[in-house]
Amino acid sequence: MSPPPVRLLVCVGPRCDAEGKGRTLLASVETCFAQTFPMELAAARLSIATRDCLRLCTRDPVVRFEPSGDALSNPSLDELLRLTRAALAEQDLALSR
C-alpha cells in the first residue's frame, strides 16, 4: 500500500486572507513548489489546495500539512520547503519498505 500524498492546504478564509495575505502566500507557494518539486507535483505525490476556512483562525495565513495535520501560522517559504522535503523523504522511506 502506498503512502498518502503530501498535501498543503492554504487557508484563504476571511481572517487568513485579510488584505490578500492568504492568496499572496498561495501564489508564492505555487510558484516556488512548481520550480522545486515539478516531478512530485506531476506524479501527484504532492499537491497544493485551498480551503475557505481551516478553523485555525489567526490574523495571518495558515497552512496545514496532510497527512500529518501539522498547521503553521504565517509560515515562511523556507519553512514550508523544509517540511515538504521531510514529508517527501518519509514517503520515499515508506515506499522502500
N, C-alpha and C. Protein backbone atom coordinates (compact mmCIF):
# COMPACT_ATOMS: atom_id res chain seq x y z
N MET A 1 0.85 -1.18 0.00
CA MET A 1 0.00 0.00 0.00
C MET A 1 0.89 1.25 0.00
N SER A 2 0.62 2.17 -0.90
CA SER A 2 1.46 3.36 -1.00
C SER A 2 1.03 4.40 0.04
N PRO A 3 1.99 5.20 0.50
CA PRO A 3 1.66 6.23 1.49
C PRO A 3 0.80 7.32 0.86
N PRO A 4 0.03 8.03 1.69
CA PRO A 4 -0.81 9.11 1.14
C PRO A 4 0.06 10.24 0.62
N PRO A 5 -0.46 10.98 -0.34
CA PRO A 5 0.31 12.12 -0.85
C PRO A 5 0.46 13.21 0.20
N VAL A 6 1.46 14.02 0.01
CA VAL A 6 1.67 15.19 0.86
C VAL A 6 0.79 16.30 0.29
N ARG A 7 -0.02 16.89 1.16
CA ARG A 7 -0.88 17.99 0.71
C ARG A 7 -0.67 19.20 1.59
N LEU A 8 -0.59 20.35 0.96
CA LEU A 8 -0.56 21.62 1.68
C LEU A 8 -1.91 22.27 1.45
N LEU A 9 -2.59 22.56 2.53
CA LEU A 9 -3.87 23.24 2.46
C LEU A 9 -3.66 24.67 2.93
N VAL A 10 -3.83 25.61 2.03
CA VAL A 10 -3.63 27.02 2.34
C VAL A 10 -5.00 27.64 2.59
N CYS A 11 -5.16 28.19 3.79
CA CYS A 11 -6.43 28.81 4.14
C CYS A 11 -6.55 30.17 3.45
N VAL A 12 -7.69 30.36 2.81
CA VAL A 12 -7.99 31.66 2.19
C VAL A 12 -9.32 32.18 2.74
N GLY A 13 -9.61 31.80 3.98
CA GLY A 13 -10.81 32.30 4.66
C GLY A 13 -10.66 33.77 4.98
N PRO A 14 -11.71 34.38 5.51
CA PRO A 14 -11.72 35.82 5.74
C PRO A 14 -10.56 36.34 6.60
N ARG A 15 -10.22 35.65 7.67
CA ARG A 15 -9.12 36.15 8.52
C ARG A 15 -7.77 35.86 7.89
N CYS A 16 -7.58 34.66 7.39
CA CYS A 16 -6.28 34.29 6.82
C CYS A 16 -5.97 35.08 5.55
N ASP A 17 -7.01 35.47 4.84
CA ASP A 17 -6.80 36.20 3.59
C ASP A 17 -7.04 37.70 3.76
N ALA A 18 -7.05 38.17 5.00
CA ALA A 18 -7.19 39.61 5.21
C ALA A 18 -6.10 40.34 4.45
N GLU A 19 -6.50 41.35 3.74
CA GLU A 19 -5.58 42.14 2.91
C GLU A 19 -4.88 41.30 1.85
N GLY A 20 -5.47 40.16 1.49
CA GLY A 20 -4.92 39.32 0.43
C GLY A 20 -3.72 38.48 0.85
N LYS A 21 -3.43 38.40 2.15
CA LYS A 21 -2.24 37.68 2.61
C LYS A 21 -2.29 36.19 2.30
N GLY A 22 -3.44 35.56 2.45
CA GLY A 22 -3.57 34.13 2.18
C GLY A 22 -3.32 33.81 0.71
N ARG A 23 -3.93 34.59 -0.16
CA ARG A 23 -3.76 34.34 -1.61
C ARG A 23 -2.35 34.72 -2.08
N THR A 24 -1.74 35.69 -1.43
CA THR A 24 -0.35 36.03 -1.76
C THR A 24 0.57 34.88 -1.39
N LEU A 25 0.35 34.31 -0.20
CA LEU A 25 1.14 33.14 0.22
C LEU A 25 0.90 31.98 -0.74
N LEU A 26 -0.34 31.74 -1.10
CA LEU A 26 -0.67 30.66 -2.03
C LEU A 26 0.08 30.82 -3.35
N ALA A 27 0.07 32.01 -3.92
CA ALA A 27 0.77 32.26 -5.19
C ALA A 27 2.27 32.01 -5.04
N SER A 28 2.85 32.45 -3.94
CA SER A 28 4.28 32.23 -3.71
C SER A 28 4.60 30.74 -3.59
N VAL A 29 3.76 30.02 -2.84
CA VAL A 29 3.96 28.57 -2.67
C VAL A 29 3.85 27.87 -4.02
N GLU A 30 2.81 28.19 -4.78
CA GLU A 30 2.62 27.53 -6.08
C GLU A 30 3.81 27.77 -7.00
N THR A 31 4.30 28.99 -7.07
CA THR A 31 5.44 29.31 -7.93
C THR A 31 6.70 28.60 -7.47
N CYS A 32 7.00 28.69 -6.20
CA CYS A 32 8.21 28.08 -5.64
C CYS A 32 8.17 26.56 -5.77
N PHE A 33 7.04 25.96 -5.43
CA PHE A 33 6.94 24.50 -5.45
C PHE A 33 6.95 23.96 -6.88
N ALA A 34 6.41 24.71 -7.83
CA ALA A 34 6.45 24.28 -9.23
C ALA A 34 7.88 24.18 -9.72
N GLN A 35 8.74 25.05 -9.23
CA GLN A 35 10.16 25.03 -9.62
C GLN A 35 10.93 23.98 -8.83
N THR A 36 10.59 23.80 -7.56
CA THR A 36 11.35 22.93 -6.67
C THR A 36 10.91 21.47 -6.75
N PHE A 37 9.63 21.22 -6.91
CA PHE A 37 9.08 19.86 -6.87
C PHE A 37 8.25 19.53 -8.11
N PRO A 38 8.74 19.79 -9.32
CA PRO A 38 7.89 19.55 -10.50
C PRO A 38 7.51 18.08 -10.68
N MET A 39 8.44 17.18 -10.43
CA MET A 39 8.14 15.76 -10.63
C MET A 39 7.15 15.25 -9.58
N GLU A 40 7.29 15.70 -8.35
CA GLU A 40 6.39 15.28 -7.29
C GLU A 40 4.97 15.79 -7.52
N LEU A 41 4.86 17.02 -8.01
CA LEU A 41 3.54 17.56 -8.34
C LEU A 41 2.92 16.81 -9.51
N ALA A 42 3.73 16.53 -10.54
CA ALA A 42 3.22 15.82 -11.72
C ALA A 42 2.78 14.39 -11.37
N ALA A 43 3.49 13.76 -10.44
CA ALA A 43 3.17 12.39 -10.05
C ALA A 43 2.09 12.32 -8.97
N ALA A 44 1.57 13.47 -8.56
CA ALA A 44 0.54 13.57 -7.52
C ALA A 44 1.03 13.06 -6.17
N ARG A 45 2.34 13.09 -5.95
CA ARG A 45 2.89 12.78 -4.62
C ARG A 45 2.77 14.00 -3.72
N LEU A 46 2.54 15.15 -4.34
CA LEU A 46 2.46 16.42 -3.64
C LEU A 46 1.37 17.25 -4.30
N SER A 47 0.55 17.90 -3.48
CA SER A 47 -0.47 18.79 -4.04
C SER A 47 -0.65 20.00 -3.14
N ILE A 48 -1.15 21.04 -3.74
CA ILE A 48 -1.42 22.30 -3.03
C ILE A 48 -2.88 22.64 -3.30
N ALA A 49 -3.62 22.90 -2.24
CA ALA A 49 -5.04 23.22 -2.39
C ALA A 49 -5.39 24.35 -1.43
N THR A 50 -6.57 24.92 -1.64
CA THR A 50 -7.05 25.97 -0.74
C THR A 50 -8.24 25.45 0.05
N ARG A 51 -8.47 26.10 1.15
CA ARG A 51 -9.66 25.86 1.96
C ARG A 51 -10.20 27.23 2.35
N ASP A 52 -11.53 27.34 2.39
CA ASP A 52 -12.15 28.61 2.76
C ASP A 52 -11.94 28.91 4.23
N CYS A 53 -11.84 27.90 5.07
CA CYS A 53 -11.52 28.11 6.47
C CYS A 53 -11.07 26.78 7.06
N LEU A 54 -9.90 26.80 7.69
CA LEU A 54 -9.39 25.60 8.34
C LEU A 54 -9.79 25.56 9.82
N ARG A 55 -10.49 26.61 10.28
CA ARG A 55 -10.91 26.72 11.67
C ARG A 55 -9.71 26.72 12.63
N LEU A 56 -8.64 27.32 12.18
CA LEU A 56 -7.43 27.50 12.98
C LEU A 56 -7.09 28.99 12.99
N CYS A 57 -8.10 29.80 13.12
CA CYS A 57 -8.00 31.23 12.87
C CYS A 57 -6.90 31.95 13.65
N THR A 58 -6.17 32.69 12.88
CA THR A 58 -5.23 33.69 13.39
C THR A 58 -5.46 34.89 12.50
N ARG A 59 -4.64 35.85 12.58
CA ARG A 59 -4.76 37.00 11.67
C ARG A 59 -3.76 36.89 10.54
N ASP A 60 -3.09 35.76 10.46
CA ASP A 60 -2.11 35.51 9.41
C ASP A 60 -2.53 34.26 8.66
N PRO A 61 -1.99 34.07 7.44
CA PRO A 61 -2.33 32.87 6.69
C PRO A 61 -1.90 31.60 7.44
N VAL A 62 -2.74 30.58 7.35
CA VAL A 62 -2.46 29.29 7.96
C VAL A 62 -2.32 28.25 6.85
N VAL A 63 -1.33 27.37 7.01
CA VAL A 63 -1.12 26.26 6.09
C VAL A 63 -1.14 24.98 6.92
N ARG A 64 -1.93 24.00 6.49
CA ARG A 64 -1.96 22.70 7.16
C ARG A 64 -1.36 21.65 6.24
N PHE A 65 -0.50 20.82 6.80
CA PHE A 65 0.09 19.71 6.06
C PHE A 65 -0.74 18.47 6.29
N GLU A 66 -0.94 17.70 5.25
CA GLU A 66 -1.54 16.38 5.37
C GLU A 66 -0.56 15.39 4.78
N PRO A 67 -0.41 14.23 5.30
CA PRO A 67 -1.30 13.60 6.27
C PRO A 67 -0.98 13.89 7.73
N SER A 68 0.06 14.63 8.05
CA SER A 68 0.44 14.82 9.45
C SER A 68 -0.56 15.67 10.23
N GLY A 69 -1.20 16.62 9.59
CA GLY A 69 -2.12 17.51 10.28
C GLY A 69 -1.43 18.72 10.91
N ASP A 70 -0.11 18.82 10.77
CA ASP A 70 0.62 19.97 11.32
C ASP A 70 0.10 21.25 10.67
N ALA A 71 -0.05 22.29 11.47
CA ALA A 71 -0.52 23.58 10.96
C ALA A 71 0.46 24.66 11.36
N LEU A 72 0.69 25.59 10.44
CA LEU A 72 1.61 26.70 10.70
C LEU A 72 0.91 28.00 10.39
N SER A 73 1.14 28.98 11.26
CA SER A 73 0.59 30.31 11.05
C SER A 73 1.68 31.20 10.45
N ASN A 74 1.37 31.80 9.31
CA ASN A 74 2.27 32.70 8.61
C ASN A 74 3.66 32.08 8.37
N PRO A 75 3.70 30.89 7.77
CA PRO A 75 4.99 30.22 7.56
C PRO A 75 5.80 30.90 6.47
N SER A 76 7.11 30.78 6.58
CA SER A 76 7.99 31.26 5.51
C SER A 76 8.07 30.19 4.43
N LEU A 77 8.46 30.59 3.23
CA LEU A 77 8.65 29.61 2.16
C LEU A 77 9.73 28.61 2.54
N ASP A 78 10.80 29.08 3.19
CA ASP A 78 11.87 28.17 3.62
C ASP A 78 11.34 27.10 4.56
N GLU A 79 10.49 27.50 5.48
CA GLU A 79 9.91 26.55 6.43
C GLU A 79 9.03 25.53 5.71
N LEU A 80 8.22 26.00 4.77
CA LEU A 80 7.36 25.10 4.01
C LEU A 80 8.18 24.14 3.15
N LEU A 81 9.24 24.65 2.55
CA LEU A 81 10.12 23.78 1.75
C LEU A 81 10.76 22.70 2.62
N ARG A 82 11.25 23.10 3.78
CA ARG A 82 11.91 22.15 4.68
C ARG A 82 10.94 21.05 5.12
N LEU A 83 9.75 21.44 5.52
CA LEU A 83 8.75 20.46 5.96
C LEU A 83 8.29 19.56 4.82
N THR A 84 8.17 20.13 3.64
CA THR A 84 7.75 19.34 2.48
C THR A 84 8.83 18.33 2.10
N ARG A 85 10.07 18.76 2.10
CA ARG A 85 11.17 17.82 1.81
C ARG A 85 11.18 16.66 2.80
N ALA A 86 10.98 16.98 4.08
CA ALA A 86 10.95 15.94 5.11
C ALA A 86 9.78 14.98 4.89
N ALA A 87 8.61 15.51 4.56
CA ALA A 87 7.44 14.66 4.33
C ALA A 87 7.63 13.78 3.10
N LEU A 88 8.24 14.32 2.06
CA LEU A 88 8.50 13.52 0.86
C LEU A 88 9.56 12.44 1.14
N ALA A 89 10.54 12.75 1.99
CA ALA A 89 11.55 11.76 2.36
C ALA A 89 10.89 10.62 3.14
N GLU A 90 9.92 10.94 4.01
CA GLU A 90 9.18 9.91 4.72
C GLU A 90 8.39 9.04 3.75
N GLN A 91 7.82 9.67 2.74
CA GLN A 91 7.11 8.92 1.69
C GLN A 91 8.05 7.94 1.01
N ASP A 92 9.23 8.43 0.63
CA ASP A 92 10.22 7.58 -0.04
C ASP A 92 10.61 6.40 0.85
N LEU A 93 10.79 6.66 2.13
CA LEU A 93 11.16 5.61 3.07
C LEU A 93 10.04 4.57 3.16
N ALA A 94 8.80 5.02 3.23
CA ALA A 94 7.66 4.10 3.30
C ALA A 94 7.55 3.27 2.03
N LEU A 95 7.85 3.87 0.88
CA LEU A 95 7.79 3.15 -0.39
C LEU A 95 8.88 2.09 -0.51
N SER A 96 10.03 2.34 0.15
CA SER A 96 11.14 1.42 0.03
C SER A 96 11.02 0.21 0.96
N ARG A 97 10.05 0.23 1.85
CA ARG A 97 9.87 -0.88 2.80
C ARG A 97 9.20 -2.04 2.17
